[in-house]
Amino acid sequence: MTIIPSNSLVHNDFNLRPGSLRQQTAVSQQIRQRDNFVINPALAYINSLAATDTTGGQANARYTLERFSRFLLTSTFEKIDWIVLLTTPSLIEKTMAAFLIHRAKTKAKMKGLFFDPQRSLKNLHVNPLKKALLIISDYFYRQQQISLYQYTNWKYSIEQFSLYNQSTTELEQGWLPPSYTEQTLTIELTSQAKVMLEAFSCFCIKPCIERMDWYSVLYAPVLQTSMQSFLSSRLTMKSSDRKQDYAPATADNLLRMLRGVAHHAWLSESISIETLQRIKAIKLPRGSRQSSGRYLSYTDVDQISALTLAQSNKIKALRDNAIFWLMYESGLRRAEVIGLDVNDIDLYLCKIRVLGKGNKERYVPFSKSSDLYAAIEQWLMVRSQHPQQISSFFCGVNRYQQLTSQRLTTQTLNDLCKHIYQLGFSRRISPHDFRHSVATNLLRSGYDLLLVSKFMGHSSITTTQRYDRRTDDELQGVTPGR
C-alpha cells in the first residue's frame, strides 16, 4: 500500500485552486478515505453500519476486526522503523501529540460527543505510552543501534513531554512507511504499556485493518481456519486448568462481521458470488451459554439506594440514586441512560423518550407510584435549583456539589456499580444486571414475551429470552419481589 507523507503535495482530483496546507490536508484525507472505502472491504463494512447502527456498533466492529487482523499480521510495533524516530527527538514529540489528539477525537466520536481540547485530552494513558517508548530506546541502545547522545536526547524528550505544551501538528495517521525488515523486539511490557505501544504504532504506519490484504483470506477454507485459530488463541491467554471453549456469541459476532466484509468485497466486484456463498455457508462449532446477567431483586436495589443516598455529596447521591432506579425500572442500556436529555423525561405523562440502537425511537412508561418517579422528581428538583442550563438529563457533579455541563459516559455507570460494592454491597454488579432484572420482573409478572421485547427495545424476542432469569432464580429460591 502506498503511503502519502503528510508534507507531500496533494493530488487535486477536483481541480481545486491551491489552498493552505491545512486545506490541502483536509482534501487529501477525504480523497484517501473515499478510496479506502472502495478498496478495503472491511472499512466499507464498518462505514455501512453508520446508517443501520449506532457508533457503538461501528466501534465494536472496528475493534473486533482490528484484533482479528492483528492476529494474522502479528504485532505492529515490530514493523516500525524505530531508528527514524530515535534519531529525531523532535519528531517523536510531534508524533506523540498527533497520536494522542487523534485518540481523543476518536473516543469523543464513538461516545457521540464533540471534541473539546479542555475535556477530551484526559484519561489517554500517557504514562504507559511513555514507559513503553523508554523501553524501546533502552533496547536499541543495548543493541548499539543508537548512540549515547541520541539515547539521552530521546529519554529527555519522552520524560519532559506534555501534550499541552505541543503546538498544532499536521502529522496524519499512517504518515510513516512500514519498515522493510521486520525485527523481533525482545522487550518486556506491562499489558497496558503494550496496548498503548501497539496503538501508537498503528497510528504511525496505519492500523492492521487497513494494512490487511483482505482478499488473501476471503476464501471459505482460509477464512474458517483463520477464525478457528484466532478464537482458540484468545482462550490460551486465560489461565485455567479446565478445558474451555469459546462462547458461541463470540464466534457468531466474528462470523457475522467477516460475512459483512465478504459482502462488501462482492459489492465492489472483487470476489465472485460463488465465493461469497461459500463464506456465508461457514459454520463454527455450536454450543450454548447461560446469560452472564445476575438478577437483582427489589430488596437488592433498596440496599443499593440506601448506600447511595448515604454518601457525603448529597447532590451526587440524588443523581446516582435516580440512575440506579432508572436502570432497574426502565431497563435502559448504558448508552441510552447517558444519552437522555431533560426534554426526554415527561413526568406528567410518566414516559421516557429513548433513542436506542439503530437510531430507533421508543417510549418507556413508568408509574407515578414507582421508586423511579420519586427518584427522578428529586433529581429534577435539584436541577431546578441550579441556574445553569444543561441539556443532558444526567450531568457531572463536582466535589463542591455543583452541577457541571459535562455529560456522563458509559464508564461512569461502570464506576458507579464498582463504587456500590466498595460501599458495602454484598456482591459485584454491572449496569447490564439491572437490564436483565427488568426483563425477568416483567416476565414474572405475566407480561407477554413480545410486549417485554418491545419494552426492552429488542429487535428479536430471541434476545429477550436470553435475558430471562426466572428458571435459575427460582432454583436458587429467589423471591419474586414487590
Protein backbone atom coordinates (compact mmCIF):
# COMPACT_ATOMS: atom_id res chain seq x y z
CA MET A 1 0.00 0.00 0.00
CA THR A 2 1.41 3.39 -0.93
CA ILE A 3 1.72 5.81 2.00
CA ILE A 4 1.44 9.51 1.15
CA PRO A 5 3.59 11.60 3.54
CA SER A 6 1.78 14.47 5.20
CA ASN A 7 4.14 17.09 3.71
CA SER A 8 3.70 15.91 0.13
CA LEU A 9 1.64 17.71 -2.48
CA VAL A 10 -1.99 16.70 -2.53
CA HIS A 11 -3.25 15.28 -5.79
CA ASN A 12 -6.02 17.63 -6.92
CA ASP A 13 -8.74 15.33 -8.28
CA PHE A 14 -11.31 18.10 -8.26
CA ASN A 15 -9.29 20.87 -9.97
CA LEU A 16 -9.34 22.97 -6.82
CA ARG A 17 -7.23 26.09 -6.59
CA PRO A 18 -4.14 25.73 -4.41
CA GLY A 19 -5.00 26.38 -0.77
CA SER A 20 -3.30 26.31 2.59
CA LEU A 21 -1.55 23.19 3.86
CA ARG A 22 -4.46 22.61 6.25
CA GLN A 23 -6.96 22.83 3.36
CA GLN A 24 -4.86 20.51 1.21
CA THR A 25 -4.55 18.03 4.08
CA ALA A 26 -8.31 18.03 4.59
CA VAL A 27 -8.89 17.38 0.88
CA SER A 28 -6.27 14.61 0.83
CA GLN A 29 -7.93 12.95 3.82
CA GLN A 30 -11.30 12.98 2.06
CA ILE A 31 -9.80 11.52 -1.12
CA ARG A 32 -7.93 8.78 0.73
CA GLN A 33 -10.95 7.96 2.85
CA ARG A 34 -13.10 7.63 -0.27
CA ASP A 35 -10.52 5.38 -1.94
CA ASN A 36 -10.08 3.26 1.21
CA PHE A 37 -13.81 2.57 1.41
CA VAL A 38 -13.75 1.33 -2.20
CA ILE A 39 -10.55 -0.72 -1.93
CA ASN A 40 -10.82 -2.04 1.63
CA PRO A 41 -13.95 -4.17 2.19
CA ALA A 42 -13.52 -4.12 5.99
CA LEU A 43 -13.64 -0.32 6.09
CA ALA A 44 -16.60 -0.35 3.70
CA TYR A 45 -18.43 -2.75 6.02
CA ILE A 46 -17.72 -0.63 9.13
CA ASN A 47 -18.80 2.52 7.32
CA SER A 48 -22.06 0.86 6.28
CA LEU A 49 -23.01 0.44 9.94
CA ALA A 50 -23.45 4.19 10.29
CA ALA A 51 -26.84 4.06 8.57
CA THR A 52 -28.11 0.99 10.40
CA ASP A 53 -26.40 1.07 13.78
CA THR A 54 -25.09 3.40 16.46
CA THR A 55 -21.45 4.47 16.82
CA GLY A 56 -21.22 1.69 19.40
CA GLY A 57 -21.80 -0.79 16.59
CA GLN A 58 -19.08 0.79 14.49
CA ALA A 59 -16.69 0.81 17.44
CA ASN A 60 -17.33 -2.86 18.20
CA ALA A 61 -16.84 -3.87 14.55
CA ARG A 62 -13.60 -1.92 14.21
CA TYR A 63 -12.26 -3.29 17.49
CA THR A 64 -13.08 -6.92 16.64
CA LEU A 65 -11.79 -6.79 13.05
CA GLU A 66 -8.65 -4.93 14.16
CA ARG A 67 -7.87 -7.71 16.66
CA PHE A 68 -8.50 -10.36 14.01
CA SER A 69 -6.21 -8.54 11.56
CA ARG A 70 -3.51 -8.11 14.19
CA PHE A 71 -3.60 -11.83 14.94
CA LEU A 72 -2.87 -12.59 11.29
CA LEU A 73 -0.30 -9.82 10.79
CA THR A 74 1.37 -10.07 14.26
CA SER A 75 2.43 -7.08 16.39
CA THR A 76 2.58 -3.72 14.66
CA PHE A 77 5.34 -2.26 16.85
CA GLU A 78 7.79 -4.76 15.32
CA LYS A 79 7.13 -3.28 11.87
CA ILE A 80 8.02 0.30 12.85
CA ASP A 81 11.26 1.86 11.60
CA TRP A 82 12.20 2.98 15.12
CA ILE A 83 15.58 4.35 14.03
CA VAL A 84 13.79 7.18 12.18
CA LEU A 85 12.13 8.25 15.40
CA LEU A 86 15.02 7.51 17.75
CA THR A 87 17.40 9.74 15.81
CA THR A 88 14.92 12.66 15.66
CA PRO A 89 13.68 13.54 19.19
CA SER A 90 11.59 16.47 17.99
CA LEU A 91 9.73 14.12 15.65
CA ILE A 92 8.73 11.75 18.45
CA GLU A 93 7.20 14.65 20.38
CA LYS A 94 5.13 15.69 17.36
CA THR A 95 4.09 12.07 16.73
CA MET A 96 3.04 11.53 20.35
CA ALA A 97 0.99 14.73 20.30
CA ALA A 98 -0.66 13.85 16.98
CA PHE A 99 -1.41 10.30 18.20
CA LEU A 100 -2.97 11.41 21.50
CA ILE A 101 -5.11 14.07 19.83
CA HIS A 102 -6.24 11.53 17.22
CA ARG A 103 -7.06 9.07 20.02
CA ALA A 104 -9.05 11.70 21.92
CA LYS A 105 -11.02 12.68 18.82
CA THR A 106 -11.82 9.03 18.07
CA LYS A 107 -13.02 8.42 21.65
CA ALA A 108 -15.21 11.54 21.53
CA LYS A 109 -16.72 10.49 18.21
CA MET A 110 -17.53 6.98 19.45
CA LYS A 111 -19.26 8.47 22.50
CA GLY A 112 -21.28 10.83 20.32
CA LEU A 113 -19.55 13.90 21.76
CA PHE A 114 -17.88 16.93 20.23
CA PHE A 115 -14.11 17.09 20.60
CA ASP A 116 -13.26 19.57 23.34
CA PRO A 117 -9.49 20.07 23.95
CA GLN A 118 -10.20 21.19 27.52
CA ARG A 119 -12.01 17.97 28.44
CA SER A 120 -11.25 15.35 25.82
CA LEU A 121 -7.48 15.31 26.42
CA LYS A 122 -7.86 13.34 29.64
CA ASN A 123 -7.52 9.66 30.55
CA LEU A 124 -5.42 8.99 27.46
CA HIS A 125 -2.93 6.74 29.33
CA VAL A 126 0.11 8.90 28.51
CA ASN A 127 2.35 7.38 31.19
CA PRO A 128 2.08 3.76 29.92
CA LEU A 129 2.98 5.07 26.45
CA LYS A 130 6.00 6.93 27.86
CA LYS A 131 7.19 3.80 29.68
CA ALA A 132 6.86 1.71 26.53
CA LEU A 133 8.81 4.22 24.43
CA LEU A 134 11.57 4.42 27.06
CA ILE A 135 11.84 0.60 27.00
CA ILE A 136 12.13 0.79 23.19
CA SER A 137 15.04 3.24 23.49
CA ASP A 138 16.74 1.02 26.10
CA TYR A 139 16.51 -1.93 23.73
CA PHE A 140 18.04 -0.15 20.73
CA TYR A 141 20.76 1.40 22.87
CA ARG A 142 21.72 -2.03 24.24
CA GLN A 143 21.77 -3.30 20.65
CA GLN A 144 24.21 -0.44 19.85
CA GLN A 145 21.94 0.84 17.07
CA ILE A 146 21.84 4.38 18.51
CA SER A 147 24.50 6.47 20.20
CA LEU A 148 24.54 7.60 23.84
CA TYR A 149 23.79 11.15 22.68
CA GLN A 150 20.71 10.03 20.74
CA TYR A 151 19.60 7.80 23.62
CA THR A 152 19.90 10.67 26.14
CA ASN A 153 18.04 13.13 23.91
CA TRP A 154 15.23 10.61 23.31
CA LYS A 155 14.83 9.93 27.05
CA TYR A 156 14.74 13.65 27.81
CA SER A 157 12.10 14.29 25.11
CA ILE A 158 9.90 11.46 26.40
CA GLU A 159 10.22 12.30 30.09
CA GLN A 160 9.57 16.04 29.56
CA PHE A 161 6.72 15.51 27.11
CA SER A 162 3.45 17.27 27.87
CA LEU A 163 0.55 17.29 25.45
CA TYR A 164 -0.45 20.80 26.48
CA ASN A 165 2.98 22.20 25.52
CA GLN A 166 2.76 20.95 21.93
CA SER A 167 1.88 23.19 19.00
CA THR A 168 -0.57 22.01 16.35
CA THR A 169 0.93 19.29 14.19
CA GLU A 170 -0.03 18.20 10.68
CA LEU A 171 1.01 14.57 11.12
CA GLU A 172 -1.73 12.21 9.95
CA GLN A 173 -2.43 8.60 10.72
CA GLY A 174 -0.17 6.41 8.56
CA TRP A 175 2.47 9.08 7.97
CA LEU A 176 5.40 6.65 8.47
CA PRO A 177 6.10 3.91 5.89
CA PRO A 178 6.48 0.45 7.49
CA SER A 179 9.97 -0.95 7.91
CA TYR A 180 11.08 -3.23 5.09
CA THR A 181 12.83 -5.56 7.54
CA GLU A 182 10.64 -6.80 10.37
CA GLN A 183 12.52 -7.45 13.61
CA THR A 184 11.62 -9.26 16.81
CA LEU A 185 11.96 -6.97 19.81
CA THR A 186 12.82 -8.86 22.99
CA ILE A 187 11.28 -6.46 25.46
CA GLU A 188 9.04 -6.87 28.50
CA LEU A 189 5.98 -4.63 28.71
CA THR A 190 3.02 -4.40 31.05
CA SER A 191 -0.32 -5.18 29.39
CA GLN A 192 -1.33 -1.51 29.38
CA ALA A 193 2.02 -0.36 28.01
CA LYS A 194 1.80 -2.98 25.25
CA VAL A 195 -1.71 -1.84 24.30
CA MET A 196 -0.58 1.79 24.10
CA LEU A 197 2.57 0.94 22.12
CA GLU A 198 0.52 -1.09 19.65
CA ALA A 199 -2.00 1.77 19.27
CA PHE A 200 0.84 4.28 18.79
CA SER A 201 2.47 2.05 16.16
CA CYS A 202 -0.85 1.65 14.34
CA PHE A 203 -1.16 5.43 14.21
CA CYS A 204 2.30 5.71 12.66
CA ILE A 205 2.00 3.05 9.93
CA LYS A 206 -1.80 2.64 9.81
CA PRO A 207 -3.99 0.14 11.71
CA CYS A 208 -3.84 -3.57 10.91
CA ILE A 209 -7.35 -3.44 9.47
CA GLU A 210 -6.11 -1.02 6.79
CA ARG A 211 -2.84 -2.86 6.06
CA MET A 212 -4.51 -6.25 5.85
CA ASP A 213 -4.78 -7.90 2.44
CA TRP A 214 -8.39 -8.96 2.92
CA TYR A 215 -8.67 -10.63 -0.45
CA SER A 216 -6.00 -13.17 0.54
CA VAL A 217 -8.25 -14.53 3.33
CA LEU A 218 -11.66 -14.15 1.71
CA TYR A 219 -11.81 -17.81 0.69
CA ALA A 220 -14.02 -20.11 2.73
CA PRO A 221 -11.34 -22.70 3.79
CA VAL A 222 -8.76 -20.00 4.60
CA LEU A 223 -11.26 -17.83 6.47
CA GLN A 224 -12.65 -20.71 8.52
CA THR A 225 -9.18 -21.88 9.56
CA SER A 226 -8.13 -18.31 10.41
CA MET A 227 -11.24 -17.77 12.52
CA GLN A 228 -10.78 -21.00 14.48
CA SER A 229 -7.10 -20.20 15.11
CA PHE A 230 -7.97 -16.69 16.26
CA LEU A 231 -10.73 -17.84 18.61
CA SER A 232 -8.54 -20.59 20.04
CA SER A 233 -5.69 -18.12 20.62
CA ARG A 234 -7.96 -15.98 22.79
CA LEU A 235 -8.53 -18.96 25.10
CA THR A 236 -4.83 -19.71 25.59
CA MET A 237 -4.46 -16.25 27.14
CA LYS A 238 -6.74 -17.29 30.02
CA SER A 239 -5.17 -19.20 32.88
CA SER A 240 -7.39 -22.15 33.74
CA ASP A 241 -6.88 -25.82 34.41
CA ARG A 242 -10.15 -26.93 32.88
CA LYS A 243 -10.79 -27.25 29.16
CA GLN A 244 -12.52 -24.21 27.68
CA ASP A 245 -14.41 -23.45 24.51
CA TYR A 246 -15.05 -20.03 23.05
CA ALA A 247 -18.51 -18.64 23.69
CA PRO A 248 -20.93 -19.15 20.77
CA ALA A 249 -21.85 -15.45 20.88
CA THR A 250 -18.17 -14.53 20.36
CA ALA A 251 -17.89 -16.81 17.34
CA ASP A 252 -21.22 -15.61 15.91
CA ASN A 253 -20.18 -11.99 16.29
CA LEU A 254 -16.90 -12.51 14.43
CA LEU A 255 -18.52 -14.65 11.72
CA ARG A 256 -21.26 -12.06 11.17
CA MET A 257 -18.66 -9.32 10.73
CA LEU A 258 -16.49 -11.32 8.34
CA ARG A 259 -19.55 -12.19 6.27
CA GLY A 260 -20.22 -8.44 6.12
CA VAL A 261 -16.67 -7.84 4.90
CA ALA A 262 -17.11 -10.53 2.24
CA HIS A 263 -20.43 -9.00 1.18
CA HIS A 264 -18.77 -5.62 0.58
CA ALA A 265 -15.95 -7.31 -1.33
CA TRP A 266 -18.61 -8.82 -3.57
CA LEU A 267 -20.36 -5.44 -3.96
CA SER A 268 -17.08 -3.98 -5.24
CA GLU A 269 -16.86 -6.90 -7.70
CA SER A 270 -13.64 -8.14 -6.10
CA ILE A 271 -14.93 -11.65 -5.32
CA SER A 272 -17.48 -13.83 -7.09
CA ILE A 273 -20.96 -14.68 -5.87
CA GLU A 274 -19.84 -18.32 -5.51
CA THR A 275 -17.02 -17.28 -3.14
CA LEU A 276 -19.47 -15.16 -1.11
CA GLN A 277 -21.94 -18.04 -0.84
CA ARG A 278 -19.22 -20.41 0.35
CA ILE A 279 -18.18 -17.90 3.02
CA LYS A 280 -21.80 -17.49 4.13
CA ALA A 281 -22.02 -21.30 4.41
CA ILE A 282 -19.22 -21.42 7.02
CA LYS A 283 -20.39 -22.93 10.28
CA LEU A 284 -18.41 -22.99 13.50
CA PRO A 285 -18.94 -25.47 16.36
CA ARG A 286 -22.13 -24.54 18.19
CA GLY A 287 -22.97 -24.56 21.84
CA SER A 288 -24.85 -22.55 24.40
CA ARG A 289 -24.06 -20.42 27.40
CA GLN A 290 -26.12 -19.15 30.27
CA SER A 291 -26.51 -15.38 30.18
CA SER A 292 -23.92 -13.64 32.34
CA GLY A 293 -26.52 -11.27 33.79
CA ARG A 294 -27.11 -11.50 37.55
CA TYR A 295 -30.59 -10.93 38.90
CA LEU A 296 -31.23 -8.01 41.29
CA SER A 297 -34.34 -8.10 43.45
CA TYR A 298 -36.18 -5.05 44.76
CA THR A 299 -34.57 -5.75 48.13
CA ASP A 300 -31.14 -5.57 46.48
CA VAL A 301 -31.94 -2.25 44.80
CA ASP A 302 -33.37 -0.87 48.06
CA GLN A 303 -29.99 -1.62 49.64
CA ILE A 304 -28.15 -0.05 46.69
CA SER A 305 -30.34 3.03 47.01
CA ALA A 306 -29.68 3.31 50.77
CA LEU A 307 -25.91 3.03 50.27
CA THR A 308 -26.05 5.62 47.50
CA LEU A 309 -28.07 8.18 49.48
CA ALA A 310 -25.73 7.85 52.47
CA GLN A 311 -22.86 9.46 50.53
CA SER A 312 -21.49 12.80 51.78
CA ASN A 313 -22.01 14.54 48.40
CA LYS A 314 -25.81 14.78 48.59
CA ILE A 315 -26.29 16.21 45.08
CA LYS A 316 -24.29 13.39 43.52
CA ALA A 317 -26.14 10.90 45.74
CA LEU A 318 -29.53 12.02 44.38
CA ARG A 319 -28.24 11.84 40.81
CA ASP A 320 -26.80 8.34 41.29
CA ASN A 321 -29.97 7.16 43.01
CA ALA A 322 -32.02 8.32 40.00
CA ILE A 323 -29.64 6.49 37.67
CA PHE A 324 -29.94 3.19 39.57
CA TRP A 325 -33.75 3.31 39.71
CA LEU A 326 -33.91 4.33 36.05
CA MET A 327 -31.81 1.34 35.01
CA TYR A 328 -33.80 -1.01 37.25
CA GLU A 329 -37.36 0.04 36.36
CA SER A 330 -36.91 1.09 32.73
CA GLY A 331 -34.21 -1.36 31.59
CA LEU A 332 -32.32 1.24 29.58
CA ARG A 333 -28.93 0.39 28.12
CA ARG A 334 -25.88 2.34 29.32
CA ALA A 335 -25.67 4.46 26.17
CA GLU A 336 -29.39 5.18 26.40
CA VAL A 337 -29.08 6.37 30.01
CA ILE A 338 -26.27 8.82 29.34
CA GLY A 339 -27.90 9.94 26.07
CA LEU A 340 -31.06 11.20 27.78
CA ASP A 341 -31.82 14.91 27.61
CA VAL A 342 -34.06 16.85 30.00
CA ASN A 343 -36.76 17.12 27.33
CA ASP A 344 -36.88 13.32 27.05
CA ILE A 345 -38.43 12.98 30.52
CA ASP A 346 -42.19 13.59 30.79
CA LEU A 347 -43.25 13.40 34.45
CA TYR A 348 -46.83 14.40 33.66
CA LEU A 349 -47.42 11.53 31.19
CA CYS A 350 -44.95 9.27 33.01
CA LYS A 351 -42.92 8.25 29.97
CA ILE A 352 -39.35 8.49 28.77
CA ARG A 353 -38.33 9.08 25.17
CA VAL A 354 -35.38 6.80 24.37
CA LEU A 355 -33.17 6.78 21.30
CA GLY A 356 -31.85 3.23 21.16
CA LYS A 357 -29.74 1.03 18.90
CA GLY A 358 -30.05 1.65 15.20
CA ASN A 359 -31.31 5.18 15.93
CA LYS A 360 -34.70 3.65 16.85
CA GLU A 361 -37.01 5.73 19.00
CA ARG A 362 -39.25 4.21 21.66
CA TYR A 363 -41.19 5.40 24.71
CA VAL A 364 -40.75 3.67 28.06
CA PRO A 365 -43.59 4.14 30.58
CA PHE A 366 -43.34 4.24 34.35
CA SER A 367 -45.77 4.62 37.24
CA LYS A 368 -46.37 7.66 39.48
CA SER A 369 -46.25 5.37 42.48
CA SER A 370 -42.89 3.88 41.48
CA ASP A 371 -39.49 4.42 43.10
CA LEU A 372 -38.30 5.67 39.71
CA TYR A 373 -40.84 8.51 39.70
CA ALA A 374 -39.76 9.64 43.19
CA ALA A 375 -36.04 9.47 42.29
CA ILE A 376 -36.49 11.42 39.04
CA GLU A 377 -38.63 14.04 40.82
CA GLN A 378 -35.91 14.58 43.45
CA TRP A 379 -33.21 14.91 40.78
CA LEU A 380 -35.27 17.37 38.75
CA MET A 381 -35.81 19.44 41.89
CA VAL A 382 -32.03 19.61 42.36
CA ARG A 383 -31.55 20.67 38.74
CA SER A 384 -34.17 23.40 39.04
CA GLN A 385 -32.19 24.99 41.88
CA HIS A 386 -29.15 25.45 39.67
CA PRO A 387 -29.33 28.36 37.21
CA GLN A 388 -27.00 26.73 34.67
CA GLN A 389 -28.84 25.45 31.60
CA ILE A 390 -27.69 21.88 30.94
CA SER A 391 -29.31 19.82 28.18
CA SER A 392 -28.22 16.36 29.34
CA PHE A 393 -30.52 14.84 31.96
CA PHE A 394 -27.64 13.32 33.93
CA CYS A 395 -24.65 15.63 34.20
CA GLY A 396 -21.45 15.85 36.20
CA VAL A 397 -21.38 16.90 39.86
CA ASN A 398 -18.14 18.29 41.30
CA ARG A 399 -16.88 17.92 44.86
CA TYR A 400 -18.43 21.26 45.79
CA GLN A 401 -21.85 19.76 44.98
CA GLN A 402 -22.25 21.92 41.88
CA LEU A 403 -23.57 20.70 38.54
CA THR A 404 -21.28 20.77 35.51
CA SER A 405 -22.28 20.76 31.85
CA GLN A 406 -20.27 17.59 31.19
CA ARG A 407 -22.36 14.65 30.02
CA LEU A 408 -21.69 11.33 31.72
CA THR A 409 -20.06 8.42 29.88
CA THR A 410 -20.77 4.70 29.89
CA GLN A 411 -17.64 4.27 32.01
CA THR A 412 -19.26 6.49 34.65
CA LEU A 413 -22.05 3.94 35.05
CA ASN A 414 -19.50 1.11 35.35
CA ASP A 415 -17.69 3.10 38.04
CA LEU A 416 -20.94 3.69 39.96
CA CYS A 417 -21.54 -0.05 40.13
CA LYS A 418 -17.96 -0.69 41.30
CA HIS A 419 -18.34 2.03 43.94
CA ILE A 420 -21.50 0.44 45.34
CA TYR A 421 -19.54 -2.76 46.01
CA GLN A 422 -16.87 -0.69 47.75
CA LEU A 423 -19.56 0.96 49.90
CA GLY A 424 -20.62 -2.44 51.21
CA PHE A 425 -22.99 -4.10 48.76
CA SER A 426 -22.82 -7.90 49.04
CA ARG A 427 -21.54 -8.65 45.52
CA ARG A 428 -20.13 -7.09 42.38
CA ILE A 429 -22.68 -5.84 39.85
CA SER A 430 -22.70 -4.27 36.40
CA PRO A 431 -25.12 -1.85 34.67
CA HIS A 432 -26.39 -4.68 32.47
CA ASP A 433 -27.55 -6.64 35.54
CA PHE A 434 -30.27 -4.02 36.01
CA ARG A 435 -31.46 -4.57 32.45
CA HIS A 436 -31.58 -8.35 32.86
CA SER A 437 -33.56 -7.90 36.07
CA VAL A 438 -36.20 -5.71 34.39
CA ALA A 439 -36.89 -8.37 31.76
CA THR A 440 -37.15 -11.06 34.44
CA ASN A 441 -39.51 -8.97 36.59
CA LEU A 442 -41.82 -8.25 33.64
CA LEU A 443 -41.93 -11.89 32.53
CA ARG A 444 -42.53 -12.99 36.11
CA SER A 445 -45.47 -10.61 36.30
CA GLY A 446 -47.08 -12.44 33.39
CA TYR A 447 -46.42 -9.98 30.56
CA ASP A 448 -46.24 -11.39 27.04
CA LEU A 449 -42.74 -12.07 25.68
CA LEU A 450 -43.41 -9.91 22.60
CA LEU A 451 -44.54 -7.00 24.76
CA VAL A 452 -41.46 -7.31 27.00
CA SER A 453 -39.27 -7.40 23.90
CA LYS A 454 -40.79 -4.13 22.71
CA PHE A 455 -40.36 -2.57 26.17
CA MET A 456 -36.68 -3.54 26.20
CA GLY A 457 -36.05 -2.24 22.68
CA HIS A 458 -35.02 -5.65 21.33
CA SER A 459 -35.30 -6.29 17.60
CA SER A 460 -35.86 -10.01 18.25
CA ILE A 461 -37.64 -11.92 21.01
CA THR A 462 -34.74 -14.39 20.95
CA THR A 463 -32.63 -11.72 22.65
CA THR A 464 -35.33 -11.18 25.28
CA GLN A 465 -35.40 -14.91 26.03
CA ARG A 466 -31.69 -14.78 26.86
CA TYR A 467 -32.45 -12.10 29.45
CA ASP A 468 -34.98 -14.30 31.24
CA ARG A 469 -33.52 -15.41 34.58
CA ARG A 470 -36.66 -17.00 36.05
CA THR A 471 -35.54 -20.62 35.90
CA ASP A 472 -32.15 -20.07 37.53
CA ASP A 473 -33.51 -17.68 40.13
CA GLU A 474 -36.38 -19.95 41.19
CA LEU A 475 -33.96 -22.84 41.55
CA GLN A 476 -31.95 -20.66 43.93
CA GLY A 477 -35.08 -19.67 45.86
CA VAL A 478 -35.09 -16.00 44.94
CA THR A 479 -38.38 -14.33 45.89
CA PRO A 480 -40.44 -12.58 43.20
CA GLY A 481 -40.07 -9.14 44.84
CA ARG A 482 -42.69 -6.47 45.31
